């Protein structure tokens, strides 16, 4: 291929790239300012650069089209691209991935090896034009266009128009393909049984198990700073992750409240928003509501790790890095989670009220308590306790009629633990119970058919050496009733509140 053709092609390519980059940056100066600051450019210089940089790129694009200025423009392009490559490499070496904002709102992405490679190729092209065209850079663009026939001109400009349309359409197709992939992943999960229906209501399992290790992550924020779960936990406070989406209306409605929580409750917990999409789609929302710590995932990789199926959703992570709450879905549940954390936060003027459990007084004939006996064997480290956001409360032993039958409430989701225990979550009243293996067996027997005395007999068969089975079954049943996990079934099978006594 003739060198003149290569030189002309390279100049047209570079000219087009620099022209689009210059115009896109001028249209979105606020985004360019944020990108420059994320790269470490001082504020004063960055504000001037939002004008000077696109002007310089525009001058390069124009200079490449004329024979007299092509070599000088190519040299300037090579110098600017080398500076870009060095800035990208410097930030990558420091573990930072600021948004390049290379083409404004048309296309922007966190810097990485693909961006570094692309700029390196463009820099090499500029060096080739300057070196090979030193004596003769080839004809100017206007002179070359003058040599085209009418058919060639129509074909050229028609091809450029088709190319522009394809680029615009590709963005829409990419977004659609991502949505399709998400739907297919969900269908695959359903087919493979990864989505389990638990409990009588057949409710879908969501979120991670309470007490399990929170998945680690490293995500850039809207300013390009890399944020990890470890850095969020560094203050020694609980961390709340709110999963959002720039195209989610309820998420937008929650942003002012999120900003208020971040300002007023920073002493109680660290709040971060995990969103998706582009920086350009998320930054205006952050600026409008003054929301800090908006982290951007590539697609849904972090949300999938946390078992998040919809937005907005939230989960609390304890200071030790374990999951501290069930997944809160929708605004009302998220507000309840935040209120619970605020209620137990240090520095309150008065302590939060203790968790109280309403009880019906048993008949006088049943007041005599059985003598103290050894409890049934429990899994190491497990106990019969009511788990709340603020901690645990021992469950007192009280009277439970032996002829009472119970059924599991439809609001309850069950998550089995590796040691045979279980975590129960009541979606209606937001109570959470952690059961050891013995208590989990009692829960399984709450099936409308077993009376309390039947459950006692079954546990005595499973643990023949254990004393006091009746006492322990009464304790577990009362705990389940007080937390709203079970309801009493009368003689004809209609459920009644289990805590109503007999």
Protein backbone atom coordinates (compact mmCIF):
# COMPACT_ATOMS: atom_id res chain seq x y z
CA UNK A 1 0.00 0.00 0.00
CA UNK A 2 1.32 3.45 -0.92
CA UNK A 3 2.67 5.49 2.01
CA UNK A 4 0.55 8.49 1.00
CA UNK A 5 -2.60 6.42 1.50
CA UNK A 6 -1.44 5.29 4.95
CA UNK A 7 -0.57 8.86 5.91
CA UNK A 8 -3.90 10.21 4.73
CA UNK A 9 -5.81 7.42 6.46
CA UNK A 10 -3.92 7.99 9.71
CA UNK A 11 -4.54 11.74 9.58
CA UNK A 12 -8.26 11.24 8.94
CA UNK A 13 -8.48 8.75 11.81
CA UNK A 14 -6.62 10.96 14.28
CA UNK A 15 -8.47 14.06 13.11
CA UNK A 16 -11.83 12.40 13.62
CA UNK A 17 -10.89 11.11 17.09
CA UNK A 18 -9.60 14.50 18.27
CA UNK A 19 -12.56 16.39 16.75
CA UNK A 20 -15.16 14.18 18.48
CA UNK A 21 -13.22 14.29 21.75
CA UNK A 22 -12.97 18.10 21.66
CA UNK A 23 -16.64 18.71 20.91
CA UNK A 24 -17.82 16.14 23.48
CA UNK A 25 -15.68 17.71 26.21
CA UNK A 26 -16.99 21.20 25.42
CA UNK A 27 -20.58 19.99 25.63
CA UNK A 28 -19.98 18.35 29.03
CA UNK A 29 -17.53 20.65 30.83
CA UNK A 30 -18.73 19.66 34.36
CA UNK A 31 -17.98 16.03 33.58
CA UNK A 32 -14.58 16.96 32.14
CA UNK A 33 -13.80 18.96 35.28
CA UNK A 34 -14.61 16.00 37.52
CA UNK A 35 -12.48 13.69 35.38
CA UNK A 36 -9.47 16.02 35.46
CA UNK A 37 -9.75 16.37 39.24
CA UNK A 38 -10.02 12.59 39.57
CA UNK A 39 -6.73 12.30 37.65
CA UNK A 40 -5.11 14.54 40.27
CA UNK A 41 -5.13 17.87 38.41
CA UNK A 42 -5.44 20.79 40.90
CA UNK A 43 -8.79 22.56 40.92
CA UNK A 44 -7.51 25.87 39.52
CA UNK A 45 -5.68 24.23 36.62
CA UNK A 46 -8.53 21.80 35.97
CA UNK A 47 -11.04 24.63 35.46
CA UNK A 48 -8.82 26.27 32.83
CA UNK A 49 -8.13 22.88 31.27
CA UNK A 50 -11.82 22.29 30.57
CA UNK A 51 -11.48 25.06 27.96
CA UNK A 52 -7.85 24.69 26.90
CA UNK A 53 -7.78 20.92 26.40
CA UNK A 54 -10.71 20.71 23.93
CA UNK A 55 -9.40 23.81 22.14
CA UNK A 56 -5.99 22.14 21.76
CA UNK A 57 -7.64 18.91 20.53
CA UNK A 58 -9.72 20.87 18.02
CA UNK A 59 -6.61 22.65 16.73
CA UNK A 60 -4.87 19.29 16.29
CA UNK A 61 -7.87 17.86 14.42
CA UNK A 62 -7.90 20.81 12.01
CA UNK A 63 -4.11 20.93 11.60
CA UNK A 64 -3.99 17.27 10.53
CA UNK A 65 -6.19 18.04 7.52
CA UNK A 66 -3.76 20.48 5.81
CA UNK A 67 -0.51 19.48 4.20
CA UNK A 68 1.42 22.48 5.56
CA UNK A 69 0.49 21.80 9.21
CA UNK A 70 0.04 18.02 9.22
CA UNK A 71 3.49 17.16 10.66
CA UNK A 72 3.27 19.80 13.38
CA UNK A 73 -0.26 18.68 14.33
CA UNK A 74 0.81 15.02 14.37
CA UNK A 75 3.75 15.88 16.66
CA UNK A 76 1.39 17.75 19.00
CA UNK A 77 -1.04 14.82 18.94
CA UNK A 78 1.77 12.38 19.79
CA UNK A 79 2.92 14.56 22.69
CA UNK A 80 -0.61 14.91 24.10
CA UNK A 81 -1.33 11.19 23.77
CA UNK A 82 1.95 10.31 25.49
CA UNK A 83 0.93 12.56 28.37
CA UNK A 84 -2.44 10.75 28.50
CA UNK A 85 -0.70 7.35 28.51
CA UNK A 86 1.63 8.43 31.32
CA UNK A 87 -1.27 9.79 33.41
CA UNK A 88 -3.27 6.57 32.95
CA UNK A 89 -0.28 4.37 33.81
CA UNK A 90 0.45 6.48 36.90
CA UNK A 91 -3.11 6.11 38.22
CA UNK A 92 -3.23 2.38 37.47
CA UNK A 93 0.07 1.89 39.31
CA UNK A 94 -1.49 3.59 42.37
CA UNK A 95 -4.56 1.34 42.17
CA UNK A 96 -6.85 4.12 40.97
CA UNK A 97 -9.22 3.98 38.02
CA UNK A 98 -10.63 7.45 37.40
CA UNK A 99 -13.14 7.89 34.63
CA UNK A 100 -11.32 8.89 31.42
CA UNK A 101 -14.24 10.97 30.07
CA UNK A 102 -12.39 10.82 26.76
CA UNK A 103 -15.50 11.40 24.67
CA UNK A 104 -17.71 13.21 27.14
CA UNK A 105 -21.22 11.82 27.39
CA UNK A 106 -20.80 9.83 24.17
CA UNK A 107 -18.54 7.27 25.81
CA UNK A 108 -16.78 7.21 29.14
CA UNK A 109 -15.32 4.43 31.25
CA UNK A 110 -12.91 3.92 34.15
CA UNK A 111 -9.35 3.79 32.88
CA UNK A 112 -7.79 0.37 32.52
CA UNK A 113 -5.54 -1.59 30.22
CA UNK A 114 -7.93 -1.29 27.21
CA UNK A 115 -7.94 2.52 27.52
CA UNK A 116 -4.17 2.53 27.97
CA UNK A 117 -3.71 0.34 24.89
CA UNK A 118 -6.05 2.45 22.76
CA UNK A 119 -4.17 5.65 23.55
CA UNK A 120 -0.84 3.91 22.94
CA UNK A 121 -2.01 2.85 19.45
CA UNK A 122 -3.17 6.38 18.66
CA UNK A 123 0.16 7.77 19.91
CA UNK A 124 2.05 5.33 17.67
CA UNK A 125 -0.11 6.44 14.71
CA UNK A 126 0.72 10.08 15.42
CA UNK A 127 4.45 9.29 15.64
CA UNK A 128 4.26 7.43 12.29
CA UNK A 129 2.56 10.40 10.60
CA UNK A 130 5.13 12.85 11.97
CA UNK A 131 8.12 10.65 11.05
CA UNK A 132 7.02 9.19 7.69
CA UNK A 133 5.46 12.44 6.52
CA UNK A 134 8.32 14.69 7.54
CA UNK A 135 9.19 15.48 3.93
CA UNK A 136 5.81 14.80 2.36
CA UNK A 137 2.78 14.19 4.61
CA UNK A 138 0.55 13.60 1.60
CA UNK A 139 -2.27 15.68 0.16
CA UNK A 140 -4.54 17.78 2.34
CA UNK A 141 -7.99 16.46 3.07
CA UNK A 142 -9.75 19.13 1.00
CA UNK A 143 -7.42 18.51 -1.96
CA UNK A 144 -8.06 14.77 -1.71
CA UNK A 145 -11.83 15.29 -1.54
CA UNK A 146 -11.64 17.45 -4.68
CA UNK A 147 -10.26 14.48 -6.61
CA UNK A 148 -13.22 12.24 -5.79
CA UNK A 149 -15.95 11.63 -8.32
CA UNK A 150 -19.56 12.36 -7.45
CA UNK A 151 -20.24 8.68 -6.85
CA UNK A 152 -17.17 8.33 -4.61
CA UNK A 153 -18.22 11.42 -2.62
CA UNK A 154 -21.74 10.11 -2.08
CA UNK A 155 -20.37 6.69 -1.12
CA UNK A 156 -17.91 8.26 1.34
CA UNK A 157 -20.36 10.51 3.14
CA UNK A 158 -23.11 7.90 3.02
CA UNK A 159 -20.74 5.41 4.59
CA UNK A 160 -19.84 7.89 7.33
CA UNK A 161 -23.54 8.50 8.04
CA UNK A 162 -24.23 4.76 8.22
CA UNK A 163 -21.22 4.30 10.51
CA UNK A 164 -22.48 7.04 12.85
CA UNK A 165 -25.94 5.44 12.94
CA UNK A 166 -24.44 2.03 13.70
CA UNK A 167 -22.39 3.47 16.56
CA UNK A 168 -25.50 5.07 18.06
CA UNK A 169 -27.51 1.88 17.60
CA UNK A 170 -24.76 -0.26 19.10
CA UNK A 171 -25.13 1.52 22.44
CA UNK A 172 -28.84 0.68 22.51
CA UNK A 173 -28.18 -2.93 21.49
CA UNK A 174 -25.51 -3.26 24.16
CA UNK A 175 -27.91 -2.08 26.85
CA UNK A 176 -30.59 -4.47 25.60
CA UNK A 177 -28.15 -7.39 25.50
CA UNK A 178 -27.10 -6.68 29.08
CA UNK A 179 -30.72 -6.73 30.20
CA UNK A 180 -31.31 -9.94 28.26
CA UNK A 181 -28.27 -11.54 29.88
CA UNK A 182 -29.57 -10.61 33.34
CA UNK A 183 -32.95 -12.18 32.55
CA UNK A 184 -31.30 -15.34 31.19
CA UNK A 185 -29.09 -15.60 34.26
CA UNK A 186 -32.17 -15.39 36.46
CA UNK A 187 -33.94 -18.07 34.43
CA UNK A 188 -30.86 -20.31 34.61
CA UNK A 189 -30.79 -19.83 38.37
CA UNK A 190 -34.45 -20.82 38.61
CA UNK A 191 -33.91 -23.91 36.42
CA UNK A 192 -30.88 -25.04 38.41
CA UNK A 193 -32.63 -24.56 41.75
CA UNK A 194 -30.32 -21.82 42.93
CA UNK A 195 -33.37 -19.75 43.82
CA UNK A 196 -35.08 -21.63 46.61
CA UNK A 197 -38.63 -21.23 47.76
CA UNK A 198 -38.51 -21.47 51.52
CA UNK A 199 -41.23 -21.58 54.10
CA UNK A 200 -44.94 -22.20 53.72
CA UNK A 201 -45.44 -19.02 51.72
CA UNK A 202 -43.00 -20.14 49.05
CA UNK A 203 -41.20 -16.82 49.31
CA UNK A 204 -38.03 -16.33 47.33
CA UNK A 205 -34.71 -16.45 49.14
CA UNK A 206 -32.84 -13.17 48.91
CA UNK A 207 -29.74 -11.77 50.48
CA UNK A 208 -26.97 -13.48 52.44
CA UNK A 209 -27.37 -15.44 55.67
CA UNK A 210 -27.04 -13.43 58.87
CA UNK A 211 -23.64 -14.13 60.38
CA UNK A 212 -22.06 -15.18 57.09
CA UNK A 213 -19.03 -13.36 55.75
CA UNK A 214 -19.88 -10.31 53.64
CA UNK A 215 -18.43 -10.60 50.12
CA UNK A 216 -15.47 -8.30 49.55
CA UNK A 217 -15.45 -5.84 46.66
CA UNK A 218 -13.38 -3.03 45.16
CA UNK A 219 -15.38 -0.47 43.16
CA UNK A 220 -14.61 3.02 41.81
CA UNK A 221 -16.72 5.91 43.03
CA UNK A 222 -17.99 8.66 40.74
CA UNK A 223 -14.65 10.49 41.14
CA UNK A 224 -12.60 7.44 40.19
CA UNK A 225 -11.34 6.59 43.68
CA UNK A 226 -11.22 2.88 44.43
CA UNK A 227 -13.34 1.95 47.46
CA UNK A 228 -13.23 -1.45 49.16
CA UNK A 229 -15.42 -3.04 51.81
CA UNK A 230 -12.38 -3.06 54.09
CA UNK A 231 -11.96 0.71 53.75
CA UNK A 232 -15.66 1.25 54.55
CA UNK A 233 -15.26 -0.87 57.71
CA UNK A 234 -12.10 0.93 58.80
CA UNK A 235 -14.02 3.30 61.11
CA UNK A 236 -15.19 0.38 63.23
CA UNK A 237 -18.88 1.11 62.62
CA UNK A 238 -21.57 -0.96 60.86
CA UNK A 239 -21.66 -0.50 57.09
CA UNK A 240 -24.94 -0.17 55.21
CA UNK A 241 -24.92 -0.86 51.47
CA UNK A 242 -27.87 0.53 49.52
CA UNK A 243 -28.15 -1.02 46.05
CA UNK A 244 -29.48 1.41 43.47
CA UNK A 245 -29.83 1.97 39.73
CA UNK A 246 -29.74 5.25 37.80
CA UNK A 247 -32.92 4.26 35.94
CA UNK A 248 -34.84 3.30 39.10
CA UNK A 249 -37.52 5.84 40.09
CA UNK A 250 -37.89 4.64 43.73
CA UNK A 251 -34.10 4.79 44.06
CA UNK A 252 -34.10 8.44 42.97
CA UNK A 253 -36.86 9.21 45.48
CA UNK A 254 -34.72 7.69 48.27
CA UNK A 255 -31.55 9.68 47.46
CA UNK A 256 -32.41 12.80 49.54
CA UNK A 257 -33.01 10.57 52.57
CA UNK A 258 -29.73 8.74 51.91
CA UNK A 259 -27.87 12.07 51.86
CA UNK A 260 -29.50 13.03 55.17
CA UNK A 261 -28.51 9.72 56.77
CA UNK A 262 -24.93 10.19 55.56
CA UNK A 263 -24.76 13.67 57.09
CA UNK A 264 -26.63 13.13 60.36
CA UNK A 265 -25.84 9.51 61.21
CA UNK A 266 -22.15 9.22 60.29
CA UNK A 267 -21.43 8.38 63.94
CA UNK A 268 -23.85 5.43 63.82
CA UNK A 269 -22.97 3.72 60.55
CA UNK A 270 -21.14 4.16 57.26
CA UNK A 271 -23.55 4.35 54.33
CA UNK A 272 -22.52 3.67 50.72
CA UNK A 273 -24.62 3.43 47.56
CA UNK A 274 -23.77 0.65 45.10
CA UNK A 275 -25.11 1.63 41.69
CA UNK A 276 -24.51 0.57 38.10
CA UNK A 277 -24.34 2.21 34.69
CA UNK A 278 -21.99 5.01 33.72
CA UNK A 279 -20.43 7.72 35.84
CA UNK A 280 -22.32 10.29 33.74
CA UNK A 281 -25.64 8.69 34.69
CA UNK A 282 -24.83 8.69 38.41
CA UNK A 283 -22.82 11.89 38.98
CA UNK A 284 -25.71 14.35 38.40
CA UNK A 285 -27.78 12.52 41.02
CA UNK A 286 -24.88 12.61 43.48
CA UNK A 287 -24.34 16.32 42.89
CA UNK A 288 -28.04 17.21 43.05
CA UNK A 289 -28.65 15.55 46.41
CA UNK A 290 -25.09 15.77 47.81
CA UNK A 291 -24.89 11.98 48.14
CA UNK A 292 -21.41 10.73 48.99
CA UNK A 293 -19.85 7.33 48.29
CA UNK A 294 -21.75 6.29 45.17
CA UNK A 295 -19.85 3.23 43.94
CA UNK A 296 -20.17 2.01 40.36
CA UNK A 297 -20.26 -1.69 39.49
CA UNK A 298 -19.69 -2.77 35.89
CA UNK A 299 -23.05 -4.49 35.74
CA UNK A 300 -24.51 -6.43 38.70
CA UNK A 301 -21.49 -8.35 39.93
CA UNK A 302 -21.58 -7.05 43.52
CA UNK A 303 -25.38 -7.13 43.71
CA UNK A 304 -25.33 -10.77 42.64
CA UNK A 305 -22.73 -11.57 45.32
CA UNK A 306 -25.08 -10.14 47.95
CA UNK A 307 -28.18 -11.86 46.56
CA UNK A 308 -29.84 -8.60 45.53
CA UNK A 309 -32.61 -9.05 42.97
CA UNK A 310 -34.14 -5.59 42.82
CA UNK A 311 -33.53 -1.96 43.68
CA UNK A 312 -33.60 -0.22 46.01
CA UNK A 313 -32.35 -2.80 48.51
CA UNK A 314 -30.13 -2.50 51.57
CA UNK A 315 -28.11 -4.73 53.87
CA UNK A 316 -26.19 -4.03 57.07
CA UNK A 317 -22.68 -5.39 57.55
CA UNK A 318 -21.33 -5.57 61.09
CA UNK A 319 -17.99 -3.99 61.97
CA UNK A 320 -16.43 -7.48 62.00
CA UNK A 321 -17.33 -7.99 58.33
CA UNK A 322 -20.28 -10.36 58.78
CA UNK A 323 -23.83 -9.87 57.51
CA UNK A 324 -25.89 -8.25 60.26
CA UNK A 325 -29.38 -8.03 58.76
CA UNK A 326 -31.72 -9.64 56.31
CA UNK A 327 -32.01 -7.91 52.95
CA UNK A 328 -34.29 -4.86 53.18
CA UNK A 329 -36.21 -4.37 49.96
CA UNK A 330 -38.13 -1.22 49.00
CA UNK A 331 -38.13 2.13 50.75
CA UNK A 332 -40.24 1.21 53.79
CA UNK A 333 -38.00 -1.70 54.81
CA UNK A 334 -34.83 0.33 54.23
CA UNK A 335 -36.15 3.10 56.49
CA UNK A 336 -36.95 0.52 59.17
CA UNK A 337 -33.40 -0.84 58.97
CA UNK A 338 -31.93 2.65 59.32
CA UNK A 339 -34.24 3.49 62.23
CA UNK A 340 -33.11 0.33 64.01
CA UNK A 341 -29.46 1.27 63.62
CA UNK A 342 -30.09 4.86 64.70
CA UNK A 343 -31.95 3.62 67.80
CA UNK A 344 -28.93 1.67 69.07
CA UNK A 345 -26.27 4.13 67.95
CA UNK A 346 -23.79 5.33 70.61
CA UNK A 347 -24.15 8.92 71.78
CA UNK A 348 -27.94 8.98 72.01
CA UNK A 349 -29.32 11.12 74.80
CA UNK A 350 -31.37 8.20 76.12
CA UNK A 351 -31.02 4.47 75.55
CA UNK A 352 -33.49 2.77 73.22
CA UNK A 353 -36.39 0.97 74.87
CA UNK A 354 -35.79 -2.76 75.49
CA UNK A 355 -37.40 -5.36 73.29
CA UNK A 356 -40.61 -6.43 75.06
CA UNK A 357 -42.61 -9.56 74.41
CA UNK A 358 -46.35 -9.45 75.21
CA UNK A 359 -47.58 -12.51 77.06
CA UNK A 360 -50.96 -13.78 78.23
CA UNK A 361 -51.14 -14.84 81.88
CA UNK A 362 -51.48 -18.63 82.11
CA UNK A 363 -54.19 -20.19 84.28
CA UNK A 364 -53.36 -20.39 87.98
CA UNK A 365 -53.29 -24.19 87.88
CA UNK A 366 -50.36 -24.09 85.46
CA UNK A 367 -48.19 -21.60 87.35
CA UNK A 368 -46.02 -24.21 88.99
CA UNK A 369 -42.75 -24.31 87.11
CA UNK A 370 -40.99 -27.62 86.55
CA UNK A 371 -37.81 -28.20 88.56
CA UNK A 372 -34.54 -27.05 87.00
CA UNK A 373 -33.07 -29.65 84.64
CA UNK A 374 -30.20 -29.78 82.18
CA UNK A 375 -31.00 -28.30 78.76
CA UNK A 376 -31.00 -30.35 75.60
CA UNK A 377 -27.62 -30.50 73.85
CA UNK A 378 -27.08 -27.55 71.52
CA UNK A 379 -24.66 -26.86 68.73
CA UNK A 380 -21.46 -25.17 69.98
CA UNK A 381 -21.85 -21.42 70.19
CA UNK A 382 -25.60 -21.50 69.49
CA UNK A 383 -28.39 -20.62 71.92
CA UNK A 384 -32.11 -20.11 72.08
CA UNK A 385 -32.13 -16.36 71.57
CA UNK A 386 -34.10 -13.68 69.78
CA UNK A 387 -31.77 -11.92 67.35
CA UNK A 388 -32.43 -8.21 66.88
CA UNK A 389 -30.47 -5.47 65.13
CA UNK A 390 -29.19 -4.35 68.53
CA UNK A 391 -28.10 -7.71 69.87
CA UNK A 392 -29.72 -10.73 71.55
CA UNK A 393 -32.17 -11.20 74.39
CA UNK A 394 -32.49 -14.43 76.42
CA UNK A 395 -35.89 -16.04 76.11
CA UNK A 396 -37.54 -16.76 79.48
CA UNK A 397 -39.30 -20.03 80.06
CA UNK A 398 -43.07 -19.79 80.48
CA UNK A 399 -46.10 -22.08 80.41
CA UNK A 400 -47.13 -23.62 77.09
CA UNK A 401 -50.14 -26.00 76.97
CA UNK A 402 -49.09 -29.53 75.99
CA UNK A 403 -52.16 -30.07 73.82
CA UNK A 404 -51.55 -26.97 71.71
CA UNK A 405 -50.85 -27.44 68.00
CA UNK A 406 -48.99 -24.86 65.95
CA UNK A 407 -48.46 -23.95 62.31
CA UNK A 408 -45.65 -21.97 60.71
CA UNK A 409 -46.59 -18.44 59.66
CA UNK A 410 -46.64 -17.74 55.93
CA UNK A 411 -44.45 -14.61 56.34
CA UNK A 412 -41.48 -16.64 57.56
CA UNK A 413 -38.45 -17.42 55.42
CA UNK A 414 -36.10 -20.19 56.56
CA UNK A 415 -32.38 -20.46 55.92
CA UNK A 416 -30.68 -23.67 57.00
CA UNK A 417 -27.27 -23.47 58.68
CA UNK A 418 -24.42 -25.96 58.10
CA UNK A 419 -24.57 -27.21 61.74
CA UNK A 420 -28.24 -28.18 61.49
CA UNK A 421 -29.54 -24.93 62.91
CA UNK A 422 -31.63 -22.37 61.07
CA UNK A 423 -32.25 -18.65 60.72
CA UNK A 424 -35.89 -17.57 60.61
CA UNK A 425 -36.93 -14.21 59.21
CA UNK A 426 -40.47 -12.92 59.65
CA UNK A 427 -41.09 -10.55 56.76
CA UNK A 428 -44.27 -9.19 58.40
CA UNK A 429 -42.81 -7.97 61.70
CA UNK A 430 -39.06 -7.96 60.80
CA UNK A 431 -38.13 -10.36 63.64
CA UNK A 432 -35.15 -12.66 63.16
CA UNK A 433 -34.48 -15.84 65.14
CA UNK A 434 -31.29 -17.88 65.15
CA UNK A 435 -31.99 -21.49 66.18
CA UNK A 436 -29.60 -24.24 67.18
CA UNK A 437 -30.11 -27.74 65.84
CA UNK A 438 -32.47 -28.72 68.68
CA UNK A 439 -34.66 -25.66 68.30
CA UNK A 440 -34.68 -26.14 64.50
CA UNK A 441 -36.17 -29.61 65.02
CA UNK A 442 -38.96 -28.08 67.11
CA UNK A 443 -39.59 -25.57 64.32
CA UNK A 444 -39.91 -28.35 61.75
CA UNK A 445 -42.56 -30.05 63.94
CA UNK A 446 -44.77 -26.94 63.91
CA UNK A 447 -46.80 -28.41 61.05
CA UNK A 448 -50.40 -28.20 62.37
CA UNK A 449 -50.33 -31.95 63.16
CA UNK A 450 -47.93 -32.17 66.10
CA UNK A 451 -49.14 -31.10 69.54
CA UNK A 452 -46.53 -29.84 71.98
CA UNK A 453 -46.53 -33.22 73.77
CA UNK A 454 -45.87 -34.93 70.40
CA UNK A 455 -42.88 -32.66 69.83
CA UNK A 456 -41.61 -33.51 73.33
CA UNK A 457 -41.87 -37.21 72.55
CA UNK A 458 -40.10 -36.78 69.22
CA UNK A 459 -37.18 -34.89 70.80
CA UNK A 460 -36.97 -37.54 73.53
CA UNK A 461 -36.58 -40.15 70.78
CA UNK A 462 -33.88 -38.13 69.01
CA UNK A 463 -32.03 -37.30 72.25
CA UNK A 464 -32.83 -40.21 74.60
CA UNK A 465 -30.11 -39.23 77.08
CA UNK A 466 -31.29 -35.65 77.45
CA UNK A 467 -33.34 -34.63 80.47
CA UNK A 468 -36.00 -31.96 80.55
CA UNK A 469 -37.25 -32.27 76.98
CA UNK A 470 -40.64 -30.84 77.96
CA UNK A 471 -39.11 -27.75 79.52
CA UNK A 472 -36.95 -27.03 76.47
CA UNK A 473 -39.77 -27.60 73.98
CA UNK A 474 -41.98 -25.19 75.92
CA UNK A 475 -39.18 -22.63 75.82
CA UNK A 476 -38.69 -22.92 72.06
CA UNK A 477 -42.42 -22.85 71.31
CA UNK A 478 -42.90 -19.73 73.43
CA UNK A 479 -39.94 -18.10 71.66
CA UNK A 480 -41.42 -18.90 68.23
CA UNK A 481 -44.84 -17.61 69.29
CA UNK A 482 -43.50 -14.37 70.76
CA UNK A 483 -41.58 -13.64 67.56
CA UNK A 484 -44.67 -14.27 65.44
CA UNK A 485 -43.12 -17.27 63.69
CA UNK A 486 -45.97 -19.66 64.55
CA UNK A 487 -49.69 -19.46 65.26
CA UNK A 488 -51.92 -21.77 67.26
CA UNK A 489 -54.28 -24.17 65.51
CA UNK A 490 -57.57 -24.85 67.33
CA UNK A 491 -59.54 -28.06 67.30
CA UNK A 492 -61.04 -27.49 63.84
CA UNK A 493 -57.77 -26.40 62.31
CA UNK A 494 -58.26 -22.61 62.25
CA UNK A 495 -55.11 -20.71 63.32
CA UNK A 496 -55.27 -18.41 66.34
CA UNK A 497 -52.49 -16.31 67.94
CA UNK A 498 -50.19 -18.72 69.75
CA UNK A 499 -49.41 -16.25 72.51
CA UNK A 500 -53.05 -16.15 73.64
CA UNK A 501 -52.50 -18.89 76.22
CA UNK A 502 -54.99 -21.68 76.89
